[in-house]
Amino acid sequence: SDTVRMKVEDRFVLRPVDLVAPVGTQQPVMIWELLAERREGFPDLPAIERRAEDWVHAYEFYARREWAAAAEAFRSYEATHGPDTVAHLYIERCEGFAVAPPSTDWNGVQAFDHK
């Protein structure tokens, strides 16, 4: 969650994964993925930080409803950083939204109605 992210982002490289509304709540929560620990000597830390930056770049297109640009950015992300299940999910979402856009009041939240 954002609360945890704020407490650990100086020690860990994170990327936003999805904005969700868990069952029983209306309040959206951003889910974050821990990618690496920020410590001297951590292997490939600059590459992992770049990976996180590239992800945020692609995710920003998605959040702005720029479906074609977002899909292309997620494809570029995979081409640069290797296969990624979450990127593939977003590519599929973007392609679907390009054909059938969400309503104008869409706020990016994935709501869940069951556990």
N, C-alpha and C. Protein backbone atom coordinates (compact mmCIF):
# COMPACT_ATOMS: atom_id res chain seq x y z
N SER A 1 0.85 -1.18 0.00
CA SER A 1 0.00 0.00 0.00
C SER A 1 0.89 1.24 0.00
N ASP A 2 0.29 2.37 -0.24
CA ASP A 2 1.05 3.63 -0.22
C ASP A 2 1.63 3.90 1.16
N THR A 3 0.93 3.49 2.21
CA THR A 3 1.44 3.71 3.57
C THR A 3 2.76 2.97 3.77
N VAL A 4 2.81 1.73 3.34
CA VAL A 4 4.04 0.95 3.46
C VAL A 4 5.11 1.52 2.54
N ARG A 5 4.72 1.86 1.30
CA ARG A 5 5.68 2.42 0.34
C ARG A 5 6.38 3.64 0.93
N MET A 6 5.62 4.54 1.52
CA MET A 6 6.22 5.75 2.07
C MET A 6 7.24 5.45 3.16
N LYS A 7 7.04 4.35 3.87
CA LYS A 7 7.95 3.99 4.95
C LYS A 7 9.22 3.31 4.45
N VAL A 8 9.18 2.69 3.27
CA VAL A 8 10.32 1.88 2.83
C VAL A 8 10.96 2.32 1.51
N GLU A 9 10.38 3.31 0.83
CA GLU A 9 10.89 3.64 -0.50
C GLU A 9 12.33 4.15 -0.52
N ASP A 10 12.83 4.62 0.60
CA ASP A 10 14.23 5.04 0.64
C ASP A 10 15.16 3.83 0.73
N ARG A 11 14.64 2.68 1.15
CA ARG A 11 15.46 1.47 1.30
C ARG A 11 15.23 0.43 0.20
N PHE A 12 14.12 0.59 -0.54
CA PHE A 12 13.79 -0.41 -1.55
C PHE A 12 13.35 0.25 -2.85
N VAL A 13 13.62 -0.42 -3.96
CA VAL A 13 13.11 0.00 -5.27
C VAL A 13 11.75 -0.68 -5.43
N LEU A 14 10.73 0.12 -5.73
CA LEU A 14 9.36 -0.38 -5.86
C LEU A 14 8.77 0.04 -7.20
N ARG A 15 7.73 -0.67 -7.61
CA ARG A 15 6.96 -0.22 -8.77
C ARG A 15 5.48 -0.36 -8.46
N PRO A 16 4.65 0.58 -8.94
CA PRO A 16 3.21 0.45 -8.74
C PRO A 16 2.69 -0.68 -9.63
N VAL A 17 1.86 -1.53 -9.07
CA VAL A 17 1.35 -2.67 -9.84
C VAL A 17 -0.08 -2.44 -10.28
N ASP A 18 -0.94 -2.01 -9.38
CA ASP A 18 -2.34 -1.80 -9.74
C ASP A 18 -3.04 -1.02 -8.65
N LEU A 19 -4.06 -0.31 -9.07
CA LEU A 19 -4.93 0.42 -8.16
C LEU A 19 -6.18 -0.43 -7.99
N VAL A 20 -6.43 -0.89 -6.77
CA VAL A 20 -7.53 -1.82 -6.55
C VAL A 20 -8.45 -1.34 -5.43
N ALA A 21 -9.68 -1.83 -5.48
CA ALA A 21 -10.64 -1.63 -4.39
C ALA A 21 -10.97 -3.03 -3.88
N PRO A 22 -10.36 -3.41 -2.76
CA PRO A 22 -10.62 -4.75 -2.22
C PRO A 22 -12.09 -4.94 -1.86
N VAL A 23 -12.49 -6.21 -1.75
CA VAL A 23 -13.86 -6.54 -1.38
C VAL A 23 -14.23 -5.81 -0.09
N GLY A 24 -15.41 -5.22 -0.08
CA GLY A 24 -15.91 -4.58 1.13
C GLY A 24 -15.45 -3.15 1.34
N THR A 25 -14.74 -2.58 0.37
CA THR A 25 -14.29 -1.20 0.53
C THR A 25 -14.46 -0.43 -0.76
N GLN A 26 -14.64 0.84 -0.64
CA GLN A 26 -14.72 1.74 -1.79
C GLN A 26 -13.42 2.48 -1.99
N GLN A 27 -12.55 2.44 -0.97
CA GLN A 27 -11.30 3.19 -0.98
C GLN A 27 -10.25 2.47 -1.81
N PRO A 28 -9.79 3.07 -2.90
CA PRO A 28 -8.76 2.41 -3.71
C PRO A 28 -7.41 2.36 -2.99
N VAL A 29 -6.68 1.29 -3.26
CA VAL A 29 -5.37 1.07 -2.67
C VAL A 29 -4.40 0.73 -3.80
N MET A 30 -3.27 1.42 -3.84
CA MET A 30 -2.24 1.09 -4.82
C MET A 30 -1.43 -0.07 -4.28
N ILE A 31 -1.26 -1.09 -5.12
CA ILE A 31 -0.43 -2.23 -4.77
C ILE A 31 0.95 -1.96 -5.35
N TRP A 32 1.99 -2.16 -4.54
CA TRP A 32 3.37 -1.92 -4.95
C TRP A 32 4.15 -3.23 -4.92
N GLU A 33 5.06 -3.39 -5.86
CA GLU A 33 5.93 -4.55 -5.89
C GLU A 33 7.34 -4.13 -5.50
N LEU A 34 7.93 -4.87 -4.58
CA LEU A 34 9.30 -4.64 -4.17
C LEU A 34 10.21 -5.29 -5.21
N LEU A 35 11.10 -4.50 -5.81
CA LEU A 35 12.00 -5.01 -6.85
C LEU A 35 13.40 -5.31 -6.33
N ALA A 36 13.88 -4.49 -5.39
CA ALA A 36 15.25 -4.69 -4.90
C ALA A 36 15.48 -3.84 -3.67
N GLU A 37 16.48 -4.23 -2.92
CA GLU A 37 16.92 -3.43 -1.79
C GLU A 37 17.94 -2.43 -2.28
N ARG A 38 17.83 -1.19 -1.80
CA ARG A 38 18.81 -0.16 -2.15
C ARG A 38 19.96 -0.27 -1.15
N ARG A 39 20.99 -0.99 -1.53
CA ARG A 39 22.16 -1.08 -0.65
C ARG A 39 23.40 -1.17 -1.52
N GLU A 40 24.47 -0.66 -0.97
CA GLU A 40 25.73 -0.68 -1.69
C GLU A 40 26.10 -2.11 -2.04
N GLY A 41 26.50 -2.29 -3.27
CA GLY A 41 26.92 -3.60 -3.72
C GLY A 41 25.79 -4.50 -4.19
N PHE A 42 24.54 -4.02 -4.13
CA PHE A 42 23.45 -4.86 -4.62
C PHE A 42 23.63 -5.04 -6.12
N PRO A 43 23.64 -6.28 -6.59
CA PRO A 43 23.89 -6.52 -8.03
C PRO A 43 22.85 -5.83 -8.91
N ASP A 44 23.33 -5.14 -9.92
CA ASP A 44 22.47 -4.53 -10.94
C ASP A 44 21.47 -3.51 -10.42
N LEU A 45 21.75 -2.86 -9.29
CA LEU A 45 20.81 -1.89 -8.75
C LEU A 45 20.48 -0.78 -9.76
N PRO A 46 21.44 -0.21 -10.49
CA PRO A 46 21.07 0.81 -11.47
C PRO A 46 20.11 0.27 -12.55
N ALA A 47 20.30 -0.97 -12.97
CA ALA A 47 19.40 -1.56 -13.97
C ALA A 47 18.00 -1.75 -13.39
N ILE A 48 17.92 -2.12 -12.13
CA ILE A 48 16.62 -2.32 -11.49
C ILE A 48 15.92 -0.98 -11.30
N GLU A 49 16.67 0.05 -10.95
CA GLU A 49 16.08 1.39 -10.82
C GLU A 49 15.57 1.87 -12.18
N ARG A 50 16.32 1.59 -13.24
CA ARG A 50 15.88 1.96 -14.59
C ARG A 50 14.60 1.20 -14.95
N ARG A 51 14.56 -0.07 -14.56
CA ARG A 51 13.37 -0.88 -14.81
C ARG A 51 12.15 -0.25 -14.14
N ALA A 52 12.30 0.20 -12.90
CA ALA A 52 11.20 0.84 -12.19
C ALA A 52 10.78 2.14 -12.88
N GLU A 53 11.76 2.92 -13.34
CA GLU A 53 11.44 4.17 -14.05
C GLU A 53 10.70 3.89 -15.35
N ASP A 54 11.15 2.89 -16.10
CA ASP A 54 10.48 2.53 -17.36
C ASP A 54 9.05 2.08 -17.10
N TRP A 55 8.86 1.36 -16.00
CA TRP A 55 7.51 0.90 -15.65
C TRP A 55 6.60 2.10 -15.37
N VAL A 56 7.08 3.02 -14.56
CA VAL A 56 6.27 4.19 -14.22
C VAL A 56 5.91 4.97 -15.48
N HIS A 57 6.84 5.10 -16.39
CA HIS A 57 6.58 5.79 -17.66
C HIS A 57 5.41 5.12 -18.40
N ALA A 58 5.44 3.81 -18.52
CA ALA A 58 4.36 3.08 -19.20
C ALA A 58 3.05 3.21 -18.42
N TYR A 59 3.12 3.09 -17.11
CA TYR A 59 1.92 3.15 -16.27
C TYR A 59 1.25 4.52 -16.37
N GLU A 60 2.04 5.57 -16.52
CA GLU A 60 1.46 6.92 -16.64
C GLU A 60 0.61 7.06 -17.89
N PHE A 61 1.05 6.46 -19.01
CA PHE A 61 0.20 6.45 -20.22
C PHE A 61 -1.13 5.77 -19.92
N TYR A 62 -1.06 4.63 -19.24
CA TYR A 62 -2.26 3.87 -18.89
C TYR A 62 -3.20 4.72 -18.03
N ALA A 63 -2.66 5.36 -17.01
CA ALA A 63 -3.48 6.17 -16.11
C ALA A 63 -4.14 7.34 -16.84
N ARG A 64 -3.51 7.82 -17.91
CA ARG A 64 -4.07 8.93 -18.70
C ARG A 64 -5.00 8.43 -19.81
N ARG A 65 -5.24 7.12 -19.85
CA ARG A 65 -6.14 6.52 -20.83
C ARG A 65 -5.60 6.61 -22.26
N GLU A 66 -4.31 6.68 -22.39
CA GLU A 66 -3.67 6.69 -23.70
C GLU A 66 -3.32 5.25 -24.05
N TRP A 67 -4.33 4.51 -24.50
CA TRP A 67 -4.24 3.05 -24.63
C TRP A 67 -3.15 2.60 -25.60
N ALA A 68 -3.09 3.19 -26.77
CA ALA A 68 -2.09 2.77 -27.76
C ALA A 68 -0.68 3.06 -27.25
N ALA A 69 -0.47 4.25 -26.71
CA ALA A 69 0.85 4.62 -26.19
C ALA A 69 1.22 3.75 -25.00
N ALA A 70 0.25 3.45 -24.15
CA ALA A 70 0.53 2.60 -22.99
C ALA A 70 0.89 1.18 -23.44
N ALA A 71 0.12 0.62 -24.36
CA ALA A 71 0.42 -0.74 -24.84
C ALA A 71 1.81 -0.79 -25.44
N GLU A 72 2.15 0.23 -26.23
CA GLU A 72 3.48 0.27 -26.84
C GLU A 72 4.57 0.41 -25.77
N ALA A 73 4.32 1.22 -24.76
CA ALA A 73 5.31 1.40 -23.69
C ALA A 73 5.49 0.11 -22.88
N PHE A 74 4.42 -0.62 -22.64
CA PHE A 74 4.55 -1.90 -21.93
C PHE A 74 5.26 -2.94 -22.81
N ARG A 75 5.01 -2.90 -24.11
CA ARG A 75 5.75 -3.80 -25.02
C ARG A 75 7.24 -3.45 -25.01
N SER A 76 7.54 -2.18 -25.06
CA SER A 76 8.93 -1.72 -25.01
C SER A 76 9.57 -2.13 -23.69
N TYR A 77 8.80 -2.03 -22.61
CA TYR A 77 9.29 -2.45 -21.30
C TYR A 77 9.71 -3.92 -21.34
N GLU A 78 8.85 -4.76 -21.90
CA GLU A 78 9.19 -6.19 -21.99
C GLU A 78 10.36 -6.44 -22.93
N ALA A 79 10.43 -5.69 -24.01
CA ALA A 79 11.55 -5.86 -24.94
C ALA A 79 12.87 -5.50 -24.28
N THR A 80 12.84 -4.52 -23.40
CA THR A 80 14.05 -4.06 -22.72
C THR A 80 14.39 -4.92 -21.50
N HIS A 81 13.36 -5.27 -20.72
CA HIS A 81 13.60 -5.90 -19.42
C HIS A 81 13.23 -7.38 -19.36
N GLY A 82 12.70 -7.92 -20.44
CA GLY A 82 12.33 -9.33 -20.46
C GLY A 82 10.86 -9.54 -20.16
N PRO A 83 10.41 -10.77 -20.35
CA PRO A 83 8.99 -11.08 -20.12
C PRO A 83 8.54 -10.69 -18.71
N ASP A 84 7.33 -10.16 -18.63
CA ASP A 84 6.81 -9.67 -17.36
C ASP A 84 5.30 -9.92 -17.35
N THR A 85 4.85 -10.73 -16.42
CA THR A 85 3.44 -11.09 -16.35
C THR A 85 2.54 -9.88 -16.19
N VAL A 86 2.94 -8.93 -15.36
CA VAL A 86 2.12 -7.75 -15.11
C VAL A 86 2.09 -6.86 -16.35
N ALA A 87 3.21 -6.71 -17.03
CA ALA A 87 3.22 -5.91 -18.27
C ALA A 87 2.30 -6.55 -19.30
N HIS A 88 2.34 -7.86 -19.39
CA HIS A 88 1.46 -8.56 -20.35
C HIS A 88 -0.01 -8.31 -20.00
N LEU A 89 -0.35 -8.33 -18.72
CA LEU A 89 -1.71 -8.03 -18.29
C LEU A 89 -2.12 -6.63 -18.74
N TYR A 90 -1.23 -5.66 -18.58
CA TYR A 90 -1.55 -4.29 -18.98
C TYR A 90 -1.66 -4.15 -20.50
N ILE A 91 -0.85 -4.87 -21.23
CA ILE A 91 -0.97 -4.85 -22.69
C ILE A 91 -2.36 -5.34 -23.08
N GLU A 92 -2.80 -6.43 -22.48
CA GLU A 92 -4.14 -6.96 -22.76
C GLU A 92 -5.23 -5.96 -22.37
N ARG A 93 -5.09 -5.33 -21.21
CA ARG A 93 -6.07 -4.32 -20.78
C ARG A 93 -6.13 -3.18 -21.79
N CYS A 94 -4.96 -2.68 -22.18
CA CYS A 94 -4.91 -1.55 -23.11
C CYS A 94 -5.55 -1.91 -24.45
N GLU A 95 -5.24 -3.09 -24.95
CA GLU A 95 -5.83 -3.52 -26.21
C GLU A 95 -7.35 -3.63 -26.08
N GLY A 96 -7.83 -4.13 -24.95
CA GLY A 96 -9.27 -4.22 -24.72
C GLY A 96 -9.92 -2.86 -24.60
N PHE A 97 -9.27 -1.95 -23.86
CA PHE A 97 -9.81 -0.61 -23.69
C PHE A 97 -9.77 0.19 -24.99
N ALA A 98 -8.82 -0.11 -25.86
CA ALA A 98 -8.77 0.58 -27.16
C ALA A 98 -10.00 0.23 -27.99
N VAL A 99 -10.48 -0.99 -27.85
CA VAL A 99 -11.66 -1.45 -28.59
C VAL A 99 -12.95 -1.03 -27.88
N ALA A 100 -12.97 -1.19 -26.58
CA ALA A 100 -14.16 -0.87 -25.77
C ALA A 100 -13.71 -0.06 -24.56
N PRO A 101 -13.58 1.26 -24.73
CA PRO A 101 -13.08 2.10 -23.64
C PRO A 101 -13.97 2.04 -22.39
N PRO A 102 -13.35 2.20 -21.24
CA PRO A 102 -14.15 2.26 -20.01
C PRO A 102 -14.98 3.55 -20.00
N SER A 103 -15.93 3.61 -19.09
CA SER A 103 -16.79 4.79 -19.00
C SER A 103 -15.96 6.04 -18.70
N THR A 104 -16.55 7.17 -18.95
CA THR A 104 -15.84 8.43 -18.76
C THR A 104 -15.48 8.70 -17.30
N ASP A 105 -16.18 8.03 -16.37
CA ASP A 105 -15.85 8.22 -14.96
C ASP A 105 -14.84 7.18 -14.45
N TRP A 106 -14.26 6.41 -15.35
CA TRP A 106 -13.25 5.41 -14.98
C TRP A 106 -12.09 6.10 -14.28
N ASN A 107 -11.68 5.54 -13.15
CA ASN A 107 -10.59 6.14 -12.39
C ASN A 107 -9.39 5.21 -12.25
N GLY A 108 -9.37 4.15 -13.05
CA GLY A 108 -8.24 3.23 -13.03
C GLY A 108 -8.32 2.15 -11.98
N VAL A 109 -9.35 2.18 -11.16
CA VAL A 109 -9.46 1.21 -10.07
C VAL A 109 -10.03 -0.10 -10.58
N GLN A 110 -9.37 -1.19 -10.18
CA GLN A 110 -9.87 -2.53 -10.43
C GLN A 110 -10.64 -2.94 -9.17
N ALA A 111 -11.97 -3.03 -9.29
CA ALA A 111 -12.80 -3.38 -8.13
C ALA A 111 -13.00 -4.88 -8.09
N PHE A 112 -12.96 -5.42 -6.90
CA PHE A 112 -13.18 -6.85 -6.70
C PHE A 112 -14.48 -7.05 -5.95
N ASP A 113 -15.27 -8.02 -6.39
CA ASP A 113 -16.55 -8.29 -5.73
C ASP A 113 -16.54 -9.61 -4.96
N HIS A 114 -15.40 -10.32 -5.00
CA HIS A 114 -15.27 -11.55 -4.20
C HIS A 114 -13.80 -11.81 -3.91
N LYS A 115 -13.57 -12.61 -2.88
CA LYS A 115 -12.18 -12.92 -2.48
C LYS A 115 -11.64 -14.03 -3.33
